[in-house]
Amino acid sequence: MLGFGPHVDLDVVHAEGLTSALYVEEPDKVAAHREAWQRLTSAALPVGSSADLITEIRKNT
């Protein structure tokens, strides 16, 4: 997501693939991506806890 500070109406979602890229500019679609990102970051562990979890998983495999 490319944000432009207080001008959220200018925000753009950039999704890049191996052979193409997609730019989403429609405000309702950008808002859907923003909400999904917020849900993901809310559910994510803090950086240190993530590193600890990965280390623990590696030890047990």
PDB file of N, CA and C in Angstrom:
ATOM      1  N   MET A   1       0.838  -1.154   0.000  1.00  0.00           N
ATOM      2  CA  MET A   1       0.000   0.000   0.000  1.00  0.00           C
ATOM      3  C   MET A   1       0.895   1.233   0.000  1.00  0.00           C
ATOM      4  N   LEU A   2       0.631   2.113  -0.943  1.00  0.00           N
ATOM      5  CA  LEU A   2       1.359   3.366  -1.026  1.00  0.00           C
ATOM      6  C   LEU A   2       0.455   4.454  -0.470  1.00  0.00           C
ATOM      7  N   GLY A   3       0.874   5.030   0.635  1.00  0.00           N
ATOM      8  CA  GLY A   3       0.062   6.033   1.296  1.00  0.00           C
ATOM      9  C   GLY A   3       0.617   7.430   1.096  1.00  0.00           C
ATOM     10  N   PHE A   4      -0.265   8.385   1.115  1.00  0.00           N
ATOM     11  CA  PHE A   4       0.127   9.773   0.901  1.00  0.00           C
ATOM     12  C   PHE A   4      -0.363  10.644   2.046  1.00  0.00           C
ATOM     13  N   GLY A   5      -0.021  10.216   3.262  1.00  0.00           N
ATOM     14  CA  GLY A   5      -0.311  10.995   4.456  1.00  0.00           C
ATOM     15  C   GLY A   5      -1.786  11.286   4.641  1.00  0.00           C
ATOM     16  N   PRO A   6      -2.105  12.529   4.853  1.00  0.00           N
ATOM     17  CA  PRO A   6      -3.491  12.871   5.147  1.00  0.00           C
ATOM     18  C   PRO A   6      -4.413  12.738   3.930  1.00  0.00           C
ATOM     19  N   HIS A   7      -3.851  12.502   2.755  1.00  0.00           N
ATOM     20  CA  HIS A   7      -4.644  12.408   1.524  1.00  0.00           C
ATOM     21  C   HIS A   7      -4.952  10.945   1.196  1.00  0.00           C
ATOM     22  N   VAL A   8      -5.738  10.291   2.036  1.00  0.00           N
ATOM     23  CA  VAL A   8      -6.011   8.856   1.850  1.00  0.00           C
ATOM     24  C   VAL A   8      -6.732   8.583   0.536  1.00  0.00           C
ATOM     25  N   ASP A   9      -7.368   9.591  -0.026  1.00  0.00           N
ATOM     26  CA  ASP A   9      -8.029   9.399  -1.319  1.00  0.00           C
ATOM     27  C   ASP A   9      -7.016   9.173  -2.448  1.00  0.00           C
ATOM     28  N   LEU A  10      -5.737   9.425  -2.185  1.00  0.00           N
ATOM     29  CA  LEU A  10      -4.686   9.189  -3.176  1.00  0.00           C
ATOM     30  C   LEU A  10      -3.958   7.861  -2.962  1.00  0.00           C
ATOM     31  N   ASP A  11      -4.269   7.129  -1.897  1.00  0.00           N
ATOM     32  CA  ASP A  11      -3.592   5.869  -1.610  1.00  0.00           C
ATOM     33  C   ASP A  11      -3.807   4.868  -2.745  1.00  0.00           C
ATOM     34  N   VAL A  12      -2.787   4.036  -2.977  1.00  0.00           N
ATOM     35  CA  VAL A  12      -2.802   3.040  -4.039  1.00  0.00           C
ATOM     36  C   VAL A  12      -2.276   1.726  -3.472  1.00  0.00           C
ATOM     37  N   VAL A  13      -2.879   0.625  -3.887  1.00  0.00           N
ATOM     38  CA  VAL A  13      -2.377  -0.703  -3.540  1.00  0.00           C
ATOM     39  C   VAL A  13      -1.566  -1.213  -4.725  1.00  0.00           C
ATOM     40  N   HIS A  14      -0.354  -1.676  -4.453  1.00  0.00           N
ATOM     41  CA  HIS A  14       0.518  -2.234  -5.486  1.00  0.00           C
ATOM     42  C   HIS A  14       0.738  -3.693  -5.126  1.00  0.00           C
ATOM     43  N   ALA A  15       0.266  -4.594  -5.986  1.00  0.00           N
ATOM     44  CA  ALA A  15       0.476  -6.029  -5.801  1.00  0.00           C
ATOM     45  C   ALA A  15       1.361  -6.508  -6.944  1.00  0.00           C
ATOM     46  N   GLU A  16       2.502  -7.068  -6.587  1.00  0.00           N
ATOM     47  CA  GLU A  16       3.479  -7.461  -7.590  1.00  0.00           C
ATOM     48  C   GLU A  16       3.567  -8.976  -7.674  1.00  0.00           C
ATOM     49  N   GLY A  17       3.578  -9.486  -8.887  1.00  0.00           N
ATOM     50  CA  GLY A  17       3.750 -10.906  -9.128  1.00  0.00           C
ATOM     51  C   GLY A  17       5.027 -11.147  -9.907  1.00  0.00           C
ATOM     52  N   LEU A  18       5.272 -12.377 -10.261  1.00  0.00           N
ATOM     53  CA  LEU A  18       6.498 -12.732 -10.979  1.00  0.00           C
ATOM     54  C   LEU A  18       6.578 -12.046 -12.342  1.00  0.00           C
ATOM     55  N   THR A  19       5.455 -11.982 -13.036  1.00  0.00           N
ATOM     56  CA  THR A  19       5.478 -11.435 -14.396  1.00  0.00           C
ATOM     57  C   THR A  19       4.549 -10.246 -14.601  1.00  0.00           C
ATOM     58  N   SER A  20       3.969  -9.737 -13.533  1.00  0.00           N
ATOM     59  CA  SER A  20       3.053  -8.613 -13.701  1.00  0.00           C
ATOM     60  C   SER A  20       2.903  -7.852 -12.385  1.00  0.00           C
ATOM     61  N   ALA A  21       2.235  -6.733 -12.475  1.00  0.00           N
ATOM     62  CA  ALA A  21       1.930  -5.938 -11.290  1.00  0.00           C
ATOM     63  C   ALA A  21       0.508  -5.408 -11.428  1.00  0.00           C
ATOM     64  N   LEU A  22      -0.113  -5.178 -10.300  1.00  0.00           N
ATOM     65  CA  LEU A  22      -1.481  -4.677 -10.270  1.00  0.00           C
ATOM     66  C   LEU A  22      -1.503  -3.433  -9.397  1.00  0.00           C
ATOM     67  N   TYR A  23      -2.140  -2.413  -9.873  1.00  0.00           N
ATOM     68  CA  TYR A  23      -2.329  -1.185  -9.098  1.00  0.00           C
ATOM     69  C   TYR A  23      -3.826  -1.008  -8.866  1.00  0.00           C
ATOM     70  N   VAL A  24      -4.213  -0.920  -7.605  1.00  0.00           N
ATOM     71  CA  VAL A  24      -5.610  -0.736  -7.242  1.00  0.00           C
ATOM     72  C   VAL A  24      -5.765   0.696  -6.750  1.00  0.00           C
ATOM     73  N   GLU A  25      -6.617   1.452  -7.393  1.00  0.00           N
ATOM     74  CA  GLU A  25      -6.785   2.859  -7.054  1.00  0.00           C
ATOM     75  C   GLU A  25      -8.195   3.200  -6.562  1.00  0.00           C
ATOM     76  N   GLU A  26      -9.179   2.346  -6.815  1.00  0.00           N
ATOM     77  CA  GLU A  26     -10.546   2.648  -6.415  1.00  0.00           C
ATOM     78  C   GLU A  26     -10.622   2.727  -4.896  1.00  0.00           C
ATOM     79  N   PRO A  27     -11.127   3.831  -4.355  1.00  0.00           N
ATOM     80  CA  PRO A  27     -11.131   4.032  -2.902  1.00  0.00           C
ATOM     81  C   PRO A  27     -11.752   2.897  -2.104  1.00  0.00           C
ATOM     82  N   ASP A  28     -12.852   2.306  -2.577  1.00  0.00           N
ATOM     83  CA  ASP A  28     -13.478   1.214  -1.823  1.00  0.00           C
ATOM     84  C   ASP A  28     -12.600  -0.031  -1.816  1.00  0.00           C
ATOM     85  N   LYS A  29     -11.911  -0.291  -2.905  1.00  0.00           N
ATOM     86  CA  LYS A  29     -11.017  -1.454  -2.964  1.00  0.00           C
ATOM     87  C   LYS A  29      -9.750  -1.216  -2.148  1.00  0.00           C
ATOM     88  N   VAL A  30      -9.231   0.001  -2.185  1.00  0.00           N
ATOM     89  CA  VAL A  30      -8.077   0.350  -1.354  1.00  0.00           C
ATOM     90  C   VAL A  30      -8.449   0.200   0.118  1.00  0.00           C
ATOM     91  N   ALA A  31      -9.640   0.640   0.481  1.00  0.00           N
ATOM     92  CA  ALA A  31     -10.101   0.517   1.866  1.00  0.00           C
ATOM     93  C   ALA A  31     -10.197  -0.942   2.280  1.00  0.00           C
ATOM     94  N   ALA A  32     -10.644  -1.812   1.387  1.00  0.00           N
ATOM     95  CA  ALA A  32     -10.719  -3.243   1.701  1.00  0.00           C
ATOM     96  C   ALA A  32      -9.331  -3.809   1.961  1.00  0.00           C
ATOM     97  N   HIS A  33      -8.356  -3.413   1.173  1.00  0.00           N
ATOM     98  CA  HIS A  33      -6.974  -3.862   1.386  1.00  0.00           C
ATOM     99  C   HIS A  33      -6.427  -3.323   2.704  1.00  0.00           C
ATOM    100  N   ARG A  34      -6.719  -2.056   3.009  1.00  0.00           N
ATOM    101  CA  ARG A  34      -6.249  -1.445   4.250  1.00  0.00           C
ATOM    102  C   ARG A  34      -6.827  -2.191   5.455  1.00  0.00           C
ATOM    103  N   GLU A  35      -8.118  -2.515   5.403  1.00  0.00           N
ATOM    104  CA  GLU A  35      -8.759  -3.240   6.504  1.00  0.00           C
ATOM    105  C   GLU A  35      -8.165  -4.633   6.665  1.00  0.00           C
ATOM    106  N   ALA A  36      -7.911  -5.316   5.550  1.00  0.00           N
ATOM    107  CA  ALA A  36      -7.297  -6.645   5.617  1.00  0.00           C
ATOM    108  C   ALA A  36      -5.902  -6.560   6.231  1.00  0.00           C
ATOM    109  N   TRP A  37      -5.130  -5.549   5.833  1.00  0.00           N
ATOM    110  CA  TRP A  37      -3.781  -5.360   6.387  1.00  0.00           C
ATOM    111  C   TRP A  37      -3.846  -5.100   7.881  1.00  0.00           C
ATOM    112  N   GLN A  38      -4.803  -4.291   8.301  1.00  0.00           N
ATOM    113  CA  GLN A  38      -4.953  -3.993   9.727  1.00  0.00           C
ATOM    114  C   GLN A  38      -5.309  -5.250  10.523  1.00  0.00           C
ATOM    115  N   ARG A  39      -6.169  -6.109   9.950  1.00  0.00           N
ATOM    116  CA  ARG A  39      -6.502  -7.369  10.630  1.00  0.00           C
ATOM    117  C   ARG A  39      -5.274  -8.268  10.745  1.00  0.00           C
ATOM    118  N   LEU A  40      -4.488  -8.346   9.681  1.00  0.00           N
ATOM    119  CA  LEU A  40      -3.274  -9.173   9.710  1.00  0.00           C
ATOM    120  C   LEU A  40      -2.274  -8.670  10.737  1.00  0.00           C
ATOM    121  N   THR A  41      -2.032  -7.372  10.742  1.00  0.00           N
ATOM    122  CA  THR A  41      -1.050  -6.850  11.683  1.00  0.00           C
ATOM    123  C   THR A  41      -1.545  -6.934  13.123  1.00  0.00           C
ATOM    124  N   SER A  42      -2.845  -6.872  13.322  1.00  0.00           N
ATOM    125  CA  SER A  42      -3.395  -7.025  14.674  1.00  0.00           C
ATOM    126  C   SER A  42      -3.215  -8.446  15.187  1.00  0.00           C
ATOM    127  N   ALA A  43      -3.284  -9.413  14.282  1.00  0.00           N
ATOM    128  CA  ALA A  43      -3.179 -10.823  14.666  1.00  0.00           C
ATOM    129  C   ALA A  43      -1.733 -11.300  14.777  1.00  0.00           C
ATOM    130  N   ALA A  44      -0.807 -10.553  14.198  1.00  0.00           N
ATOM    131  CA  ALA A  44       0.599 -10.969  14.164  1.00  0.00           C
ATOM    132  C   ALA A  44       1.258 -10.830  15.540  1.00  0.00           C
ATOM    133  N   LEU A  45       2.206 -11.712  15.786  1.00  0.00           N
ATOM    134  CA  LEU A  45       3.018 -11.603  16.996  1.00  0.00           C
ATOM    135  C   LEU A  45       3.996 -10.440  16.861  1.00  0.00           C
ATOM    136  N   PRO A  46       4.458  -9.902  17.973  1.00  0.00           N
ATOM    137  CA  PRO A  46       5.543  -8.914  17.898  1.00  0.00           C
ATOM    138  C   PRO A  46       6.796  -9.557  17.289  1.00  0.00           C
ATOM    139  N   VAL A  47       7.692  -8.742  16.769  1.00  0.00           N
ATOM    140  CA  VAL A  47       8.884  -9.237  16.067  1.00  0.00           C
ATOM    141  C   VAL A  47       9.673 -10.232  16.920  1.00  0.00           C
ATOM    142  N   GLY A  48       9.959  -9.877  18.168  1.00  0.00           N
ATOM    143  CA  GLY A  48      10.743 -10.764  19.032  1.00  0.00           C
ATOM    144  C   GLY A  48      10.051 -12.088  19.275  1.00  0.00           C
ATOM    145  N   SER A  49       8.749 -12.058  19.497  1.00  0.00           N
ATOM    146  CA  SER A  49       7.999 -13.294  19.723  1.00  0.00           C
ATOM    147  C   SER A  49       7.956 -14.147  18.463  1.00  0.00           C
ATOM    148  N   SER A  50       7.871 -13.509  17.308  1.00  0.00           N
ATOM    149  CA  SER A  50       7.902 -14.251  16.042  1.00  0.00           C
ATOM    150  C   SER A  50       9.234 -14.962  15.874  1.00  0.00           C
ATOM    151  N   ALA A  51      10.314 -14.254  16.156  1.00  0.00           N
ATOM    152  CA  ALA A  51      11.648 -14.859  16.037  1.00  0.00           C
ATOM    153  C   ALA A  51      11.789 -16.030  17.011  1.00  0.00           C
ATOM    154  N   ASP A  52      11.292 -15.877  18.239  1.00  0.00           N
ATOM    155  CA  ASP A  52      11.348 -16.964  19.215  1.00  0.00           C
ATOM    156  C   ASP A  52      10.553 -18.172  18.737  1.00  0.00           C
ATOM    157  N   LEU A  53       9.367 -17.928  18.174  1.00  0.00           N
ATOM    158  CA  LEU A  53       8.528 -19.017  17.675  1.00  0.00           C
ATOM    159  C   LEU A  53       9.218 -19.754  16.520  1.00  0.00           C
ATOM    160  N   ILE A  54       9.804 -19.015  15.601  1.00  0.00           N
ATOM    161  CA  ILE A  54      10.511 -19.646  14.480  1.00  0.00           C
ATOM    162  C   ILE A  54      11.687 -20.465  14.988  1.00  0.00           C
ATOM    163  N   THR A  55      12.431 -19.934  15.938  1.00  0.00           N
ATOM    164  CA  THR A  55      13.557 -20.672  16.513  1.00  0.00           C
ATOM    165  C   THR A  55      13.078 -21.948  17.185  1.00  0.00           C
ATOM    166  N   GLU A  56      12.008 -21.884  17.927  1.00  0.00           N
ATOM    167  CA  GLU A  56      11.453 -23.058  18.609  1.00  0.00           C
ATOM    168  C   GLU A  56      10.985 -24.105  17.600  1.00  0.00           C
ATOM    169  N   ILE A  57      10.338 -23.673  16.551  1.00  0.00           N
ATOM    170  CA  ILE A  57       9.879 -24.613  15.511  1.00  0.00           C
ATOM    171  C   ILE A  57      11.057 -25.286  14.843  1.00  0.00           C
ATOM    172  N   ARG A  58      12.094 -24.518  14.553  1.00  0.00           N
ATOM    173  CA  ARG A  58      13.286 -25.095  13.914  1.00  0.00           C
ATOM    174  C   ARG A  58      13.944 -26.133  14.808  1.00  0.00           C
ATOM    175  N   LYS A  59      13.929 -25.916  16.115  1.00  0.00           N
ATOM    176  CA  LYS A  59      14.535 -26.877  17.050  1.00  0.00           C
ATOM    177  C   LYS A  59      13.757 -28.177  17.059  1.00  0.00           C
ATOM    178  N   ASN A  60      12.454 -28.111  16.854  1.00  0.00           N
ATOM    179  CA  ASN A  60      11.599 -29.292  16.961  1.00  0.00           C
ATOM    180  C   ASN A  60      11.360 -29.996  15.635  1.00  0.00           C
ATOM    181  N   THR A  61      12.043 -29.598  14.575  1.00  0.00           N
ATOM    182  CA  THR A  61      11.846 -30.280  13.287  1.00  0.00           C
ATOM    183  C   THR A  61      13.103 -30.957  12.825  1.00  0.00           C
TER     184      THR A  61
END
